[in-house]
């Protein structure tokens, strides 16, 4: 019997969901409610790729070898240090007759669920990947469950660009939802105070989309925080933030000062989109009492965030972006099409990779 959440694919330990499993059964034969995808490209999540690259000192061959080992050992791509994976694009090979996903053989799709729960086999040894970028050209197959999510790739966009956008599409969707609620609450109460938003890591994939989403949702003033001058210049040229600030997100006081100086007051909503650990306290400190911090980084420590807020006596709501909000793929692709600055930053990132 094929479980809609993939329990039948769990090899060890028994009884856990696929994401929590150490090893999955990635065999190619599908059940009646499963879909098999011919994989063409993986997109490793930023925190995972950074950890692997730093571990191996930028040695692409070593990074490639470890990714292959992880997938072969675990039947999925789940970095054992960060616990994160990424997502993929490919072509539907076969859809079970009872699959509720509505996918058809031959459709090019992007999976909108993590590689950490997706049964995966690589058959080409990642021979076309140099181990130096998040996007991984490859050949192999992956299995989607009945409770998985996938989006058919648009014909009018470069698949690499679509993959990069869809990899982080949960971030702008949740940002838009939270900012919209602040704007609506103040409108209803007659409070004229503008909503202010800070995005930490504003020049990155999720960061740039979140800045665009916050502005569209009604944020009156936004600040994009970046660590280096090159990212400051790129984000300024993209025009997605009211102001761009330089700060190391791991420096709590420095980050808080940069945000407060840029906005005039602490942020109502702070969105954390960086891929390094140690940014929790600064994000909390940069957020106004009664505000909200949204953590989208896989490098986030829940204990550091919770205990840090307690230690600072900070009255903030902390949300963990789970990567899924209804309509998130459409919203992110819409921002790509409508916001030249978003496309500019994504294109530059892909070219650099």
C-alpha atoms as a PDB file:
ATOM      1  CA  UNK A   1       0.000   0.000   0.000  1.00  0.00           C
ATOM      2  CA  UNK A   2       1.358   3.423  -0.935  1.00  0.00           C
ATOM      3  CA  UNK A   3       1.056   6.054   1.763  1.00  0.00           C
ATOM      4  CA  UNK A   4       0.087   9.560   0.549  1.00  0.00           C
ATOM      5  CA  UNK A   5       2.921  11.003   2.651  1.00  0.00           C
ATOM      6  CA  UNK A   6       5.489   8.396   1.604  1.00  0.00           C
ATOM      7  CA  UNK A   7       5.697   6.204   4.705  1.00  0.00           C
ATOM      8  CA  UNK A   8       6.110   3.139   2.488  1.00  0.00           C
ATOM      9  CA  UNK A   9       9.379   4.601   1.153  1.00  0.00           C
ATOM     10  CA  UNK A  10      11.003   4.891   4.590  1.00  0.00           C
ATOM     11  CA  UNK A  11      13.732   2.278   5.053  1.00  0.00           C
ATOM     12  CA  UNK A  12      15.068   3.420   8.412  1.00  0.00           C
ATOM     13  CA  UNK A  13      14.082   4.184  11.047  1.00  0.00           C
ATOM     14  CA  UNK A  14      10.629   2.731  10.680  1.00  0.00           C
ATOM     15  CA  UNK A  15       7.620   4.826  11.597  1.00  0.00           C
ATOM     16  CA  UNK A  16       8.956   8.291  10.804  1.00  0.00           C
ATOM     17  CA  UNK A  17       8.028  10.572   7.923  1.00  0.00           C
ATOM     18  CA  UNK A  18      10.369  10.681   4.895  1.00  0.00           C
ATOM     19  CA  UNK A  19      11.952  13.991   5.871  1.00  0.00           C
ATOM     20  CA  UNK A  20      12.988  12.641   9.258  1.00  0.00           C
ATOM     21  CA  UNK A  21      14.130   9.277   7.880  1.00  0.00           C
ATOM     22  CA  UNK A  22      17.796   8.398   7.605  1.00  0.00           C
ATOM     23  CA  UNK A  23      17.275   6.403   4.409  1.00  0.00           C
ATOM     24  CA  UNK A  24      14.539   6.172   1.781  1.00  0.00           C
ATOM     25  CA  UNK A  25      13.706   3.559  -0.828  1.00  0.00           C
ATOM     26  CA  UNK A  26      14.244   5.371  -4.135  1.00  0.00           C
ATOM     27  CA  UNK A  27      13.426   2.466  -6.447  1.00  0.00           C
ATOM     28  CA  UNK A  28      11.979   3.506  -9.813  1.00  0.00           C
ATOM     29  CA  UNK A  29       8.745   1.476  -9.734  1.00  0.00           C
ATOM     30  CA  UNK A  30       5.900   3.739  -8.629  1.00  0.00           C
ATOM     31  CA  UNK A  31       2.731   3.108  -6.700  1.00  0.00           C
ATOM     32  CA  UNK A  32      -0.696   4.152  -8.006  1.00  0.00           C
ATOM     33  CA  UNK A  33      -0.561   7.548  -6.267  1.00  0.00           C
ATOM     34  CA  UNK A  34       3.100   8.362  -7.015  1.00  0.00           C
ATOM     35  CA  UNK A  35       4.858  10.193  -9.844  1.00  0.00           C
ATOM     36  CA  UNK A  36       8.345   9.497 -11.229  1.00  0.00           C
ATOM     37  CA  UNK A  37      10.342  12.473 -12.479  1.00  0.00           C
ATOM     38  CA  UNK A  38      13.342  12.260 -14.823  1.00  0.00           C
ATOM     39  CA  UNK A  39      15.652  14.677 -13.065  1.00  0.00           C
ATOM     40  CA  UNK A  40      17.517  17.301 -15.090  1.00  0.00           C
ATOM     41  CA  UNK A  41      18.797  19.710 -12.451  1.00  0.00           C
ATOM     42  CA  UNK A  42      19.008  19.961  -8.677  1.00  0.00           C
ATOM     43  CA  UNK A  43      19.073  23.238  -6.785  1.00  0.00           C
ATOM     44  CA  UNK A  44      20.916  22.759  -3.497  1.00  0.00           C
ATOM     45  CA  UNK A  45      19.673  25.089  -0.804  1.00  0.00           C
ATOM     46  CA  UNK A  46      22.065  27.930   0.018  1.00  0.00           C
ATOM     47  CA  UNK A  47      22.881  26.864   3.583  1.00  0.00           C
ATOM     48  CA  UNK A  48      23.705  23.320   2.508  1.00  0.00           C
ATOM     49  CA  UNK A  49      25.880  24.361  -0.419  1.00  0.00           C
ATOM     50  CA  UNK A  50      27.752  26.901   1.699  1.00  0.00           C
ATOM     51  CA  UNK A  51      28.462  24.313   4.390  1.00  0.00           C
ATOM     52  CA  UNK A  52      29.740  21.761   1.867  1.00  0.00           C
ATOM     53  CA  UNK A  53      31.856  24.295   0.021  1.00  0.00           C
ATOM     54  CA  UNK A  54      33.412  25.645   3.224  1.00  0.00           C
ATOM     55  CA  UNK A  55      34.019  22.139   4.564  1.00  0.00           C
ATOM     56  CA  UNK A  56      36.005  21.235   1.448  1.00  0.00           C
ATOM     57  CA  UNK A  57      37.729  24.588   1.038  1.00  0.00           C
ATOM     58  CA  UNK A  58      36.006  25.285  -2.277  1.00  0.00           C
ATOM     59  CA  UNK A  59      37.233  22.015  -3.812  1.00  0.00           C
ATOM     60  CA  UNK A  60      34.459  21.286  -6.320  1.00  0.00           C
ATOM     61  CA  UNK A  61      35.486  17.673  -6.875  1.00  0.00           C
ATOM     62  CA  UNK A  62      35.233  16.992  -3.146  1.00  0.00           C
ATOM     63  CA  UNK A  63      31.850  18.704  -2.924  1.00  0.00           C
ATOM     64  CA  UNK A  64      30.555  16.653  -5.858  1.00  0.00           C
ATOM     65  CA  UNK A  65      31.825  13.444  -4.294  1.00  0.00           C
ATOM     66  CA  UNK A  66      30.106  14.175  -0.990  1.00  0.00           C
ATOM     67  CA  UNK A  67      26.787  15.044  -2.639  1.00  0.00           C
ATOM     68  CA  UNK A  68      26.928  11.771  -4.555  1.00  0.00           C
ATOM     69  CA  UNK A  69      27.727   9.890  -1.359  1.00  0.00           C
ATOM     70  CA  UNK A  70      24.840  11.497   0.517  1.00  0.00           C
ATOM     71  CA  UNK A  71      22.333  10.637  -2.215  1.00  0.00           C
ATOM     72  CA  UNK A  72      23.621   7.071  -2.637  1.00  0.00           C
ATOM     73  CA  UNK A  73      23.643   6.437   1.113  1.00  0.00           C
ATOM     74  CA  UNK A  74      20.374   8.083   2.049  1.00  0.00           C
ATOM     75  CA  UNK A  75      18.234   7.705  -1.063  1.00  0.00           C
ATOM     76  CA  UNK A  76      17.647  11.458  -0.976  1.00  0.00           C
ATOM     77  CA  UNK A  77      19.657  14.681  -0.780  1.00  0.00           C
ATOM     78  CA  UNK A  78      19.785  15.766   2.848  1.00  0.00           C
ATOM     79  CA  UNK A  79      22.921  17.442   4.152  1.00  0.00           C
ATOM     80  CA  UNK A  80      23.689  15.698   7.458  1.00  0.00           C
ATOM     81  CA  UNK A  81      25.056  18.916   8.977  1.00  0.00           C
ATOM     82  CA  UNK A  82      22.430  21.485   7.972  1.00  0.00           C
ATOM     83  CA  UNK A  83      19.586  18.983   7.632  1.00  0.00           C
ATOM     84  CA  UNK A  84      18.484  20.758   4.453  1.00  0.00           C
ATOM     85  CA  UNK A  85      18.332  19.797   0.791  1.00  0.00           C
ATOM     86  CA  UNK A  86      16.886  21.931  -1.998  1.00  0.00           C
ATOM     87  CA  UNK A  87      14.568  21.089  -4.902  1.00  0.00           C
ATOM     88  CA  UNK A  88      14.717  19.932  -8.519  1.00  0.00           C
ATOM     89  CA  UNK A  89      13.394  20.267 -12.045  1.00  0.00           C
ATOM     90  CA  UNK A  90      12.770  17.473 -14.495  1.00  0.00           C
ATOM     91  CA  UNK A  91      10.286  15.835 -16.822  1.00  0.00           C
ATOM     92  CA  UNK A  92       7.394  13.632 -15.739  1.00  0.00           C
ATOM     93  CA  UNK A  93       8.151  10.063 -16.835  1.00  0.00           C
ATOM     94  CA  UNK A  94       5.151   8.314 -15.332  1.00  0.00           C
ATOM     95  CA  UNK A  95       2.189   9.314 -13.201  1.00  0.00           C
ATOM     96  CA  UNK A  96       0.235   6.749 -11.211  1.00  0.00           C
ATOM     97  CA  UNK A  97      -3.444   6.445 -12.088  1.00  0.00           C
ATOM     98  CA  UNK A  98      -4.462   7.640  -8.614  1.00  0.00           C
ATOM     99  CA  UNK A  99      -1.987  10.509  -8.281  1.00  0.00           C
ATOM    100  CA  UNK A 100      -3.816  13.698  -7.236  1.00  0.00           C
ATOM    101  CA  UNK A 101      -1.053  15.999  -8.541  1.00  0.00           C
ATOM    102  CA  UNK A 102      -2.545  16.326 -12.012  1.00  0.00           C
ATOM    103  CA  UNK A 103       0.793  15.821 -13.758  1.00  0.00           C
ATOM    104  CA  UNK A 104       1.140  14.233 -17.190  1.00  0.00           C
ATOM    105  CA  UNK A 105       4.025  12.381 -18.837  1.00  0.00           C
ATOM    106  CA  UNK A 106       6.248  14.777 -20.743  1.00  0.00           C
ATOM    107  CA  UNK A 107       5.525  17.872 -18.636  1.00  0.00           C
ATOM    108  CA  UNK A 108       8.547  19.793 -17.333  1.00  0.00           C
ATOM    109  CA  UNK A 109       8.069  20.481 -13.658  1.00  0.00           C
ATOM    110  CA  UNK A 110       9.755  21.885 -10.592  1.00  0.00           C
ATOM    111  CA  UNK A 111       9.194  20.110  -7.311  1.00  0.00           C
ATOM    112  CA  UNK A 112       8.068  22.446  -4.550  1.00  0.00           C
ATOM    113  CA  UNK A 113       8.934  20.059  -1.749  1.00  0.00           C
ATOM    114  CA  UNK A 114      12.371  19.589  -0.256  1.00  0.00           C
ATOM    115  CA  UNK A 115      14.930  17.105  -1.505  1.00  0.00           C
ATOM    116  CA  UNK A 116      15.178  16.025   2.147  1.00  0.00           C
ATOM    117  CA  UNK A 117      11.973  14.010   1.694  1.00  0.00           C
ATOM    118  CA  UNK A 118      12.181  13.188  -2.025  1.00  0.00           C
ATOM    119  CA  UNK A 119      13.424   9.700  -3.020  1.00  0.00           C
ATOM    120  CA  UNK A 120      16.272  10.358  -5.450  1.00  0.00           C
ATOM    121  CA  UNK A 121      18.709   8.385  -7.607  1.00  0.00           C
ATOM    122  CA  UNK A 122      21.541   9.927  -9.655  1.00  0.00           C
ATOM    123  CA  UNK A 123      22.746   7.889 -12.630  1.00  0.00           C
ATOM    124  CA  UNK A 124      25.378  10.088 -14.307  1.00  0.00           C
ATOM    125  CA  UNK A 125      27.799  10.621 -11.423  1.00  0.00           C
ATOM    126  CA  UNK A 126      27.105  14.369 -11.643  1.00  0.00           C
ATOM    127  CA  UNK A 127      29.652  14.432 -14.473  1.00  0.00           C
ATOM    128  CA  UNK A 128      28.427  17.821 -15.782  1.00  0.00           C
ATOM    129  CA  UNK A 129      28.678  19.604 -12.412  1.00  0.00           C
ATOM    130  CA  UNK A 130      31.884  21.217 -11.210  1.00  0.00           C
ATOM    131  CA  UNK A 131      30.770  21.342  -7.581  1.00  0.00           C
ATOM    132  CA  UNK A 132      31.040  25.132  -7.445  1.00  0.00           C
ATOM    133  CA  UNK A 133      27.434  26.266  -7.794  1.00  0.00           C
ATOM    134  CA  UNK A 134      24.078  25.587  -6.161  1.00  0.00           C
ATOM    135  CA  UNK A 135      22.521  24.409  -9.421  1.00  0.00           C
ATOM    136  CA  UNK A 136      23.494  20.855 -10.319  1.00  0.00           C
ATOM    137  CA  UNK A 137      22.911  19.503 -13.852  1.00  0.00           C
ATOM    138  CA  UNK A 138      22.330  15.778 -13.608  1.00  0.00           C
ATOM    139  CA  UNK A 139      20.477  12.700 -14.782  1.00  0.00           C
ATOM    140  CA  UNK A 140      18.466  10.352 -12.628  1.00  0.00           C
ATOM    141  CA  UNK A 141      14.997   9.993 -11.195  1.00  0.00           C
ATOM    142  CA  UNK A 142      12.953  11.179  -8.249  1.00  0.00           C
ATOM    143  CA  UNK A 143       9.622  10.123  -6.748  1.00  0.00           C
ATOM    144  CA  UNK A 144       6.759  12.390  -5.702  1.00  0.00           C
ATOM    145  CA  UNK A 145       4.065  11.308  -3.250  1.00  0.00           C
ATOM    146  CA  UNK A 146       0.375  12.126  -3.241  1.00  0.00           C
ATOM    147  CA  UNK A 147       1.030  14.904  -0.689  1.00  0.00           C
ATOM    148  CA  UNK A 148       3.944  16.354  -2.666  1.00  0.00           C
ATOM    149  CA  UNK A 149       3.750  19.629  -4.590  1.00  0.00           C
ATOM    150  CA  UNK A 150       5.030  20.417  -8.075  1.00  0.00           C
ATOM    151  CA  UNK A 151       4.604  23.239 -10.579  1.00  0.00           C
ATOM    152  CA  UNK A 152       4.663  22.952 -14.346  1.00  0.00           C
ATOM    153  CA  UNK A 153       7.503  25.148 -15.610  1.00  0.00           C
ATOM    154  CA  UNK A 154       6.455  28.164 -17.688  1.00  0.00           C
ATOM    155  CA  UNK A 155       7.376  27.934 -21.368  1.00  0.00           C
ATOM    156  CA  UNK A 156       8.421  31.582 -21.535  1.00  0.00           C
ATOM    157  CA  UNK A 157      11.184  31.433 -18.909  1.00  0.00           C
ATOM    158  CA  UNK A 158      14.664  29.909 -18.796  1.00  0.00           C
ATOM    159  CA  UNK A 159      14.328  26.703 -16.722  1.00  0.00           C
ATOM    160  CA  UNK A 160      17.400  27.657 -14.676  1.00  0.00           C
ATOM    161  CA  UNK A 161      15.810  30.982 -13.807  1.00  0.00           C
ATOM    162  CA  UNK A 162      12.489  29.340 -12.944  1.00  0.00           C
ATOM    163  CA  UNK A 163      14.272  26.797 -10.767  1.00  0.00           C
ATOM    164  CA  UNK A 164      16.097  29.520  -8.847  1.00  0.00           C
ATOM    165  CA  UNK A 165      12.867  31.440  -8.251  1.00  0.00           C
ATOM    166  CA  UNK A 166      10.726  28.454  -7.311  1.00  0.00           C
ATOM    167  CA  UNK A 167      13.392  27.214  -4.908  1.00  0.00           C
ATOM    168  CA  UNK A 168      12.562  30.108  -2.591  1.00  0.00           C
ATOM    169  CA  UNK A 169       8.967  30.916  -3.542  1.00  0.00           C
ATOM    170  CA  UNK A 170       7.675  30.401  -0.004  1.00  0.00           C
ATOM    171  CA  UNK A 171       9.607  33.428   1.253  1.00  0.00           C
ATOM    172  CA  UNK A 172       7.867  36.204  -0.699  1.00  0.00           C
ATOM    173  CA  UNK A 173       4.463  34.591  -0.214  1.00  0.00           C
ATOM    174  CA  UNK A 174       4.715  34.490   3.572  1.00  0.00           C
ATOM    175  CA  UNK A 175       6.291  37.955   3.660  1.00  0.00           C
ATOM    176  CA  UNK A 176       3.387  39.319   1.657  1.00  0.00           C
ATOM    177  CA  UNK A 177       0.869  37.634   3.971  1.00  0.00           C
ATOM    178  CA  UNK A 178       2.435  39.024   7.142  1.00  0.00           C
ATOM    179  CA  UNK A 179       2.967  42.549   5.807  1.00  0.00           C
ATOM    180  CA  UNK A 180      -0.568  42.659   4.427  1.00  0.00           C
ATOM    181  CA  UNK A 181      -1.948  41.839   7.868  1.00  0.00           C
ATOM    182  CA  UNK A 182       0.009  44.683   9.462  1.00  0.00           C
ATOM    183  CA  UNK A 183      -1.167  47.113   6.803  1.00  0.00           C
ATOM    184  CA  UNK A 184      -4.803  46.020   7.156  1.00  0.00           C
ATOM    185  CA  UNK A 185      -4.762  46.123  10.966  1.00  0.00           C
ATOM    186  CA  UNK A 186      -3.469  49.673  10.945  1.00  0.00           C
ATOM    187  CA  UNK A 187      -5.962  50.740   8.319  1.00  0.00           C
ATOM    188  CA  UNK A 188      -8.859  49.341  10.337  1.00  0.00           C
ATOM    189  CA  UNK A 189      -7.692  50.955  13.571  1.00  0.00           C
ATOM    190  CA  UNK A 190      -7.014  54.286  11.925  1.00  0.00           C
ATOM    191  CA  UNK A 191      -3.345  54.102  12.878  1.00  0.00           C
ATOM    192  CA  UNK A 192      -1.402  56.189  10.322  1.00  0.00           C
ATOM    193  CA  UNK A 193       1.943  54.664  11.281  1.00  0.00           C
ATOM    194  CA  UNK A 194       3.586  53.254   8.145  1.00  0.00           C
ATOM    195  CA  UNK A 195       4.633  49.606   8.070  1.00  0.00           C
ATOM    196  CA  UNK A 196       8.401  49.193   7.917  1.00  0.00           C
ATOM    197  CA  UNK A 197      10.152  46.011   6.804  1.00  0.00           C
ATOM    198  CA  UNK A 198      13.772  44.869   7.042  1.00  0.00           C
ATOM    199  CA  UNK A 199      15.084  42.027   4.898  1.00  0.00           C
ATOM    200  CA  UNK A 200      18.387  40.567   6.069  1.00  0.00           C
ATOM    201  CA  UNK A 201      20.198  39.219   3.024  1.00  0.00           C
ATOM    202  CA  UNK A 202      18.209  41.456   0.690  1.00  0.00           C
ATOM    203  CA  UNK A 203      20.365  40.878  -2.393  1.00  0.00           C
ATOM    204  CA  UNK A 204      19.921  37.104  -2.377  1.00  0.00           C
ATOM    205  CA  UNK A 205      17.225  34.996  -3.997  1.00  0.00           C
ATOM    206  CA  UNK A 206      14.692  34.865  -1.198  1.00  0.00           C
ATOM    207  CA  UNK A 207      15.709  38.314   0.022  1.00  0.00           C
ATOM    208  CA  UNK A 208      15.129  40.147  -3.250  1.00  0.00           C
ATOM    209  CA  UNK A 209      11.766  38.456  -3.763  1.00  0.00           C
ATOM    210  CA  UNK A 210      10.764  39.260  -0.177  1.00  0.00           C
ATOM    211  CA  UNK A 211      11.633  42.942  -0.642  1.00  0.00           C
ATOM    212  CA  UNK A 212       9.502  43.093  -3.780  1.00  0.00           C
ATOM    213  CA  UNK A 213       6.655  41.241  -2.056  1.00  0.00           C
ATOM    214  CA  UNK A 214       6.768  43.521   1.005  1.00  0.00           C
ATOM    215  CA  UNK A 215       6.512  46.626  -1.144  1.00  0.00           C
ATOM    216  CA  UNK A 216       3.602  45.197  -3.136  1.00  0.00           C
ATOM    217  CA  UNK A 217       1.852  44.231   0.097  1.00  0.00           C
ATOM    218  CA  UNK A 218       1.912  47.851   1.285  1.00  0.00           C
ATOM    219  CA  UNK A 219       5.143  48.321   3.242  1.00  0.00           C
ATOM    220  CA  UNK A 220       5.830  52.054   3.217  1.00  0.00           C
ATOM    221  CA  UNK A 221       9.551  51.747   3.802  1.00  0.00           C
ATOM    222  CA  UNK A 222      11.919  48.814   3.368  1.00  0.00           C
ATOM    223  CA  UNK A 223      15.575  48.243   4.105  1.00  0.00           C
ATOM    224  CA  UNK A 224      17.671  45.548   2.502  1.00  0.00           C
ATOM    225  CA  UNK A 225      20.635  44.570   4.643  1.00  0.00           C
ATOM    226  CA  UNK A 226      23.707  43.119   2.920  1.00  0.00           C
ATOM    227  CA  UNK A 227      27.214  42.259   4.152  1.00  0.00           C
ATOM    228  CA  UNK A 228      29.456  43.639   1.404  1.00  0.00           C
ATOM    229  CA  UNK A 229      29.694  46.668  -0.864  1.00  0.00           C
ATOM    230  CA  UNK A 230      29.209  44.677  -4.085  1.00  0.00           C
ATOM    231  CA  UNK A 231      25.820  43.410  -2.883  1.00  0.00           C
ATOM    232  CA  UNK A 232      24.923  46.901  -1.689  1.00  0.00           C
ATOM    233  CA  UNK A 233      25.603  48.300  -5.142  1.00  0.00           C
ATOM    234  CA  UNK A 234      23.679  45.502  -6.889  1.00  0.00           C
ATOM    235  CA  UNK A 235      20.635  45.853  -4.640  1.00  0.00           C
ATOM    236  CA  UNK A 236      20.683  49.638  -4.929  1.00  0.00           C
ATOM    237  CA  UNK A 237      20.757  49.355  -8.736  1.00  0.00           C
ATOM    238  CA  UNK A 238      17.842  46.898  -8.628  1.00  0.00           C
ATOM    239  CA  UNK A 239      15.701  49.458  -6.825  1.00  0.00           C
ATOM    240  CA  UNK A 240      13.865  46.943  -4.656  1.00  0.00           C
ATOM    241  CA  UNK A 241      14.497  48.603  -1.274  1.00  0.00           C
ATOM    242  CA  UNK A 242      13.853  52.110  -0.002  1.00  0.00           C
ATOM    243  CA  UNK A 243      17.359  52.026   1.429  1.00  0.00           C
ATOM    244  CA  UNK A 244      20.224  49.538   1.452  1.00  0.00           C
ATOM    245  CA  UNK A 245      22.369  49.089   4.558  1.00  0.00           C
ATOM    246  CA  UNK A 246      25.708  47.377   5.120  1.00  0.00           C
ATOM    247  CA  UNK A 247      25.939  45.165   8.204  1.00  0.00           C
ATOM    248  CA  UNK A 248      27.163  41.769   9.343  1.00  0.00           C
ATOM    249  CA  UNK A 249      24.008  39.900  10.340  1.00  0.00           C
ATOM    250  CA  UNK A 250      26.009  37.974  12.938  1.00  0.00           C
ATOM    251  CA  UNK A 251      26.732  41.221  14.838  1.00  0.00           C
ATOM    252  CA  UNK A 252      23.523  41.839  16.832  1.00  0.00           C
ATOM    253  CA  UNK A 253      24.239  45.426  17.802  1.00  0.00           C
ATOM    254  CA  UNK A 254      25.626  46.341  14.395  1.00  0.00           C
ATOM    255  CA  UNK A 255      22.637  44.835  12.604  1.00  0.00           C
ATOM    256  CA  UNK A 256      20.121  46.473  14.907  1.00  0.00           C
ATOM    257  CA  UNK A 257      21.842  49.838  14.531  1.00  0.00           C
ATOM    258  CA  UNK A 258      21.902  49.558  10.732  1.00  0.00           C
ATOM    259  CA  UNK A 259      18.183  48.725  10.534  1.00  0.00           C
ATOM    260  CA  UNK A 260      17.091  51.380  13.035  1.00  0.00           C
ATOM    261  CA  UNK A 261      19.233  54.040  11.357  1.00  0.00           C
ATOM    262  CA  UNK A 262      17.852  53.177   7.917  1.00  0.00           C
ATOM    263  CA  UNK A 263      14.196  53.069   8.961  1.00  0.00           C
ATOM    264  CA  UNK A 264      14.271  55.636  11.765  1.00  0.00           C
ATOM    265  CA  UNK A 265      12.787  53.036  14.115  1.00  0.00           C
ATOM    266  CA  UNK A 266      13.071  49.244  14.511  1.00  0.00           C
ATOM    267  CA  UNK A 267      11.298  47.188  11.837  1.00  0.00           C
ATOM    268  CA  UNK A 268       7.726  46.002  12.201  1.00  0.00           C
ATOM    269  CA  UNK A 269       8.629  42.909  10.186  1.00  0.00           C
ATOM    270  CA  UNK A 270      12.133  41.488   9.871  1.00  0.00           C
ATOM    271  CA  UNK A 271      12.750  38.761   7.302  1.00  0.00           C
ATOM    272  CA  UNK A 272      15.924  36.683   7.703  1.00  0.00           C
ATOM    273  CA  UNK A 273      17.156  35.297   4.382  1.00  0.00           C
ATOM    274  CA  UNK A 274      20.855  34.708   5.039  1.00  0.00           C
ATOM    275  CA  UNK A 275      22.529  31.316   4.801  1.00  0.00           C
ATOM    276  CA  UNK A 276      24.912  31.558   7.767  1.00  0.00           C
ATOM    277  CA  UNK A 277      24.238  30.711  11.423  1.00  0.00           C
ATOM    278  CA  UNK A 278      24.292  33.233  14.239  1.00  0.00           C
ATOM    279  CA  UNK A 279      21.862  35.839  12.906  1.00  0.00           C
ATOM    280  CA  UNK A 280      18.980  35.199  15.291  1.00  0.00           C
ATOM    281  CA  UNK A 281      19.790  37.738  18.022  1.00  0.00           C
ATOM    282  CA  UNK A 282      20.402  40.591  15.623  1.00  0.00           C
ATOM    283  CA  UNK A 283      17.094  39.986  13.875  1.00  0.00           C
ATOM    284  CA  UNK A 284      15.226  40.045  17.191  1.00  0.00           C
ATOM    285  CA  UNK A 285      17.029  43.184  18.339  1.00  0.00           C
ATOM    286  CA  UNK A 286      16.239  44.945  15.046  1.00  0.00           C
ATOM    287  CA  UNK A 287      12.486  44.314  15.427  1.00  0.00           C
ATOM    288  CA  UNK A 288      10.028  46.570  17.253  1.00  0.00           C
ATOM    289  CA  UNK A 289       8.006  45.347  20.233  1.00  0.00           C
ATOM    290  CA  UNK A 290       4.887  43.713  18.845  1.00  0.00           C
ATOM    291  CA  UNK A 291       6.698  43.023  15.594  1.00  0.00           C
ATOM    292  CA  UNK A 292       7.354  39.812  13.707  1.00  0.00           C
ATOM    293  CA  UNK A 293      10.548  38.025  12.724  1.00  0.00           C
ATOM    294  CA  UNK A 294      10.323  35.559   9.837  1.00  0.00           C
ATOM    295  CA  UNK A 295      13.192  33.076   9.613  1.00  0.00           C
ATOM    296  CA  UNK A 296      13.743  31.637   6.143  1.00  0.00           C
ATOM    297  CA  UNK A 297      17.318  30.502   6.615  1.00  0.00           C
ATOM    298  CA  UNK A 298      18.012  26.792   7.058  1.00  0.00           C
ATOM    299  CA  UNK A 299      20.919  27.902   9.256  1.00  0.00           C
ATOM    300  CA  UNK A 300      18.501  29.235  11.891  1.00  0.00           C
ATOM    301  CA  UNK A 301      18.722  27.811  15.415  1.00  0.00           C
ATOM    302  CA  UNK A 302      15.344  27.658  17.115  1.00  0.00           C
ATOM    303  CA  UNK A 303      16.921  27.566  20.563  1.00  0.00           C
ATOM    304  CA  UNK A 304      19.111  30.606  19.807  1.00  0.00           C
ATOM    305  CA  UNK A 305      16.093  32.531  18.509  1.00  0.00           C
ATOM    306  CA  UNK A 306      13.780  31.607  21.387  1.00  0.00           C
ATOM    307  CA  UNK A 307      16.311  32.053  24.175  1.00  0.00           C
ATOM    308  CA  UNK A 308      17.697  35.186  22.584  1.00  0.00           C
ATOM    309  CA  UNK A 309      14.264  36.812  22.473  1.00  0.00           C
ATOM    310  CA  UNK A 310      13.649  35.806  26.063  1.00  0.00           C
ATOM    311  CA  UNK A 311      17.007  37.181  27.168  1.00  0.00           C
ATOM    312  CA  UNK A 312      16.344  40.480  25.420  1.00  0.00           C
ATOM    313  CA  UNK A 313      12.814  40.691  26.858  1.00  0.00           C
ATOM    314  CA  UNK A 314      11.667  41.123  23.277  1.00  0.00           C
ATOM    315  CA  UNK A 315       7.921  40.998  22.640  1.00  0.00           C
ATOM    316  CA  UNK A 316       8.131  39.658  19.093  1.00  0.00           C
ATOM    317  CA  UNK A 317       6.379  36.908  17.174  1.00  0.00           C
ATOM    318  CA  UNK A 318       8.799  34.528  15.519  1.00  0.00           C
ATOM    319  CA  UNK A 319       7.748  32.529  12.464  1.00  0.00           C
ATOM    320  CA  UNK A 320       9.598  29.725  10.725  1.00  0.00           C
ATOM    321  CA  UNK A 321       9.007  29.912   6.989  1.00  0.00           C
ATOM    322  CA  UNK A 322       8.060  26.368   6.005  1.00  0.00           C
ATOM    323  CA  UNK A 323       8.384  26.980   2.276  1.00  0.00           C
ATOM    324  CA  UNK A 324       4.694  26.493   1.503  1.00  0.00           C
ATOM    325  CA  UNK A 325       1.962  29.091   1.219  1.00  0.00           C
ATOM    326  CA  UNK A 326      -0.979  28.519  -1.140  1.00  0.00           C
ATOM    327  CA  UNK A 327      -0.245  30.233  -4.452  1.00  0.00           C
ATOM    328  CA  UNK A 328       3.441  30.731  -3.657  1.00  0.00           C
ATOM    329  CA  UNK A 329       4.765  29.582  -7.046  1.00  0.00           C
ATOM    330  CA  UNK A 330       2.462  31.873  -9.000  1.00  0.00           C
ATOM    331  CA  UNK A 331       3.262  34.830  -6.755  1.00  0.00           C
ATOM    332  CA  UNK A 332       7.038  34.383  -7.087  1.00  0.00           C
ATOM    333  CA  UNK A 333       6.942  33.968 -10.867  1.00  0.00           C
ATOM    334  CA  UNK A 334       4.663  37.004 -11.053  1.00  0.00           C
ATOM    335  CA  UNK A 335       7.244  39.079  -9.189  1.00  0.00           C
ATOM    336  CA  UNK A 336       9.949  37.863 -11.555  1.00  0.00           C
ATOM    337  CA  UNK A 337       7.912  39.039 -14.537  1.00  0.00           C
ATOM    338  CA  UNK A 338       6.714  42.324 -13.042  1.00  0.00           C
ATOM    339  CA  UNK A 339       9.812  43.516 -11.166  1.00  0.00           C
ATOM    340  CA  UNK A 340      12.846  44.222 -13.388  1.00  0.00           C
ATOM    341  CA  UNK A 341      15.055  44.467 -10.310  1.00  0.00           C
ATOM    342  CA  UNK A 342      14.221  40.915  -9.278  1.00  0.00           C
ATOM    343  CA  UNK A 343      15.014  39.559 -12.729  1.00  0.00           C
ATOM    344  CA  UNK A 344      18.231  41.590 -12.793  1.00  0.00           C
ATOM    345  CA  UNK A 345      19.524  40.109  -9.530  1.00  0.00           C
ATOM    346  CA  UNK A 346      18.531  36.546 -10.416  1.00  0.00           C
ATOM    347  CA  UNK A 347      20.088  36.754 -13.880  1.00  0.00           C
ATOM    348  CA  UNK A 348      23.333  38.087 -12.434  1.00  0.00           C
ATOM    349  CA  UNK A 349      23.426  35.298  -9.864  1.00  0.00           C
ATOM    350  CA  UNK A 350      22.894  32.604 -12.477  1.00  0.00           C
ATOM    351  CA  UNK A 351      25.545  34.136 -14.737  1.00  0.00           C
ATOM    352  CA  UNK A 352      28.021  34.200 -11.846  1.00  0.00           C
ATOM    353  CA  UNK A 353      27.325  30.543 -11.065  1.00  0.00           C
END
